[in-house]
């Protein structure tokens, strides 16, 4: 059995106001579009201590900073080996 991909999105006020509000729905839509519900553990977290670098998302323990929909989509495509 493959290990689930862990995606944690910062829901702290700074990251949320810098774009994670939009990225939450983006990740949810991405998971649904690619039928990845059984392959992902997607959750919110509170403040990862990098407020000035937000929005911040952690994928399998690796923090990613200043994310946009495009950047996050590319990371997810790489993570799940999906070619767009």
C-alpha atoms as a PDB file:
ATOM      1  CA  UNK A   1       0.000   0.000   0.000  1.00  0.00           C
ATOM      2  CA  UNK A   2       1.348   3.447  -0.936  1.00  0.00           C
ATOM      3  CA  UNK A   3       1.792   6.038   1.770  1.00  0.00           C
ATOM      4  CA  UNK A   4      -0.595   9.001   1.561  1.00  0.00           C
ATOM      5  CA  UNK A   5       0.749  12.367   0.528  1.00  0.00           C
ATOM      6  CA  UNK A   6       0.549  14.776   3.458  1.00  0.00           C
ATOM      7  CA  UNK A   7      -0.508  18.313   2.530  1.00  0.00           C
ATOM      8  CA  UNK A   8      -0.839  20.872   5.310  1.00  0.00           C
ATOM      9  CA  UNK A   9      -1.854  24.411   4.482  1.00  0.00           C
ATOM     10  CA  UNK A  10      -1.239  27.267   6.895  1.00  0.00           C
ATOM     11  CA  UNK A  11      -4.477  28.835   8.101  1.00  0.00           C
ATOM     12  CA  UNK A  12      -2.773  31.534  10.152  1.00  0.00           C
ATOM     13  CA  UNK A  13      -4.100  35.025   9.520  1.00  0.00           C
ATOM     14  CA  UNK A  14      -1.040  36.229   7.584  1.00  0.00           C
ATOM     15  CA  UNK A  15      -0.927  33.282   5.177  1.00  0.00           C
ATOM     16  CA  UNK A  16      -4.696  33.273   4.887  1.00  0.00           C
ATOM     17  CA  UNK A  17      -4.749  36.928   3.878  1.00  0.00           C
ATOM     18  CA  UNK A  18      -1.783  36.411   1.505  1.00  0.00           C
ATOM     19  CA  UNK A  19      -3.627  33.803  -0.545  1.00  0.00           C
ATOM     20  CA  UNK A  20      -4.112  30.547   1.322  1.00  0.00           C
ATOM     21  CA  UNK A  21      -7.858  31.229   1.424  1.00  0.00           C
ATOM     22  CA  UNK A  22      -7.815  30.686  -2.345  1.00  0.00           C
ATOM     23  CA  UNK A  23      -5.312  27.820  -2.202  1.00  0.00           C
ATOM     24  CA  UNK A  24      -7.529  25.780   0.150  1.00  0.00           C
ATOM     25  CA  UNK A  25     -10.235  25.547  -2.510  1.00  0.00           C
ATOM     26  CA  UNK A  26      -7.611  25.044  -5.228  1.00  0.00           C
ATOM     27  CA  UNK A  27      -6.206  21.961  -3.446  1.00  0.00           C
ATOM     28  CA  UNK A  28      -9.698  20.605  -2.770  1.00  0.00           C
ATOM     29  CA  UNK A  29     -10.600  21.002  -6.447  1.00  0.00           C
ATOM     30  CA  UNK A  30      -7.283  19.445  -7.535  1.00  0.00           C
ATOM     31  CA  UNK A  31      -7.866  16.405  -5.319  1.00  0.00           C
ATOM     32  CA  UNK A  32     -11.405  15.981  -6.669  1.00  0.00           C
ATOM     33  CA  UNK A  33     -10.419  16.528 -10.315  1.00  0.00           C
ATOM     34  CA  UNK A  34      -7.681  13.898 -10.152  1.00  0.00           C
ATOM     35  CA  UNK A  35      -9.649  11.509  -7.899  1.00  0.00           C
ATOM     36  CA  UNK A  36      -6.926  11.543  -5.245  1.00  0.00           C
ATOM     37  CA  UNK A  37      -9.111  11.362  -2.113  1.00  0.00           C
ATOM     38  CA  UNK A  38      -7.614   8.021  -1.088  1.00  0.00           C
ATOM     39  CA  UNK A  39      -4.052   9.187  -1.770  1.00  0.00           C
ATOM     40  CA  UNK A  40      -3.999  12.445   0.200  1.00  0.00           C
ATOM     41  CA  UNK A  41      -4.269  13.610   3.775  1.00  0.00           C
ATOM     42  CA  UNK A  42      -5.125  17.312   3.365  1.00  0.00           C
ATOM     43  CA  UNK A  43      -5.429  19.415   6.498  1.00  0.00           C
ATOM     44  CA  UNK A  44      -4.993  22.899   7.852  1.00  0.00           C
ATOM     45  CA  UNK A  45      -2.386  24.001  10.332  1.00  0.00           C
ATOM     46  CA  UNK A  46      -1.860  27.159  12.332  1.00  0.00           C
ATOM     47  CA  UNK A  47       1.224  29.287  11.767  1.00  0.00           C
ATOM     48  CA  UNK A  48       4.399  27.604  10.620  1.00  0.00           C
ATOM     49  CA  UNK A  49       6.552  30.579  11.682  1.00  0.00           C
ATOM     50  CA  UNK A  50       7.197  31.923   8.196  1.00  0.00           C
ATOM     51  CA  UNK A  51       4.509  34.593   8.058  1.00  0.00           C
ATOM     52  CA  UNK A  52       6.530  36.963   5.885  1.00  0.00           C
ATOM     53  CA  UNK A  53       7.021  34.196   3.295  1.00  0.00           C
ATOM     54  CA  UNK A  54       3.359  33.253   2.963  1.00  0.00           C
ATOM     55  CA  UNK A  55       1.312  31.719   1.750  1.00  0.00           C
ATOM     56  CA  UNK A  56       2.958  28.576   3.109  1.00  0.00           C
ATOM     57  CA  UNK A  57       2.056  24.955   2.334  1.00  0.00           C
ATOM     58  CA  UNK A  58       3.829  21.843   3.621  1.00  0.00           C
ATOM     59  CA  UNK A  59       3.911  18.790   1.348  1.00  0.00           C
ATOM     60  CA  UNK A  60       5.369  15.635   2.879  1.00  0.00           C
ATOM     61  CA  UNK A  61       7.303  17.665   5.447  1.00  0.00           C
ATOM     62  CA  UNK A  62       8.796  20.157   2.954  1.00  0.00           C
ATOM     63  CA  UNK A  63       7.726  23.786   3.356  1.00  0.00           C
ATOM     64  CA  UNK A  64       6.967  25.836   0.246  1.00  0.00           C
ATOM     65  CA  UNK A  65       6.695  29.611   0.361  1.00  0.00           C
ATOM     66  CA  UNK A  66       5.035  32.444  -1.571  1.00  0.00           C
ATOM     67  CA  UNK A  67       2.798  30.026  -3.419  1.00  0.00           C
ATOM     68  CA  UNK A  68       0.370  30.854  -6.178  1.00  0.00           C
ATOM     69  CA  UNK A  69      -2.168  28.553  -7.810  1.00  0.00           C
ATOM     70  CA  UNK A  70       0.260  27.945 -10.664  1.00  0.00           C
ATOM     71  CA  UNK A  71       3.240  27.146  -8.426  1.00  0.00           C
ATOM     72  CA  UNK A  72       1.163  24.893  -6.179  1.00  0.00           C
ATOM     73  CA  UNK A  73      -0.326  23.131  -9.209  1.00  0.00           C
ATOM     74  CA  UNK A  74       3.162  22.410 -10.524  1.00  0.00           C
ATOM     75  CA  UNK A  75       4.239  21.042  -7.128  1.00  0.00           C
ATOM     76  CA  UNK A  76       1.173  18.811  -6.937  1.00  0.00           C
ATOM     77  CA  UNK A  77       1.655  17.593 -10.506  1.00  0.00           C
ATOM     78  CA  UNK A  78       5.240  16.642  -9.643  1.00  0.00           C
ATOM     79  CA  UNK A  79       4.186  15.017  -6.389  1.00  0.00           C
ATOM     80  CA  UNK A  80       1.543  12.854  -8.080  1.00  0.00           C
ATOM     81  CA  UNK A  81       3.422  12.361 -11.373  1.00  0.00           C
ATOM     82  CA  UNK A  82       0.711  14.083 -13.347  1.00  0.00           C
ATOM     83  CA  UNK A  83       1.777  15.616 -16.656  1.00  0.00           C
ATOM     84  CA  UNK A  84      -0.168  18.656 -17.717  1.00  0.00           C
END
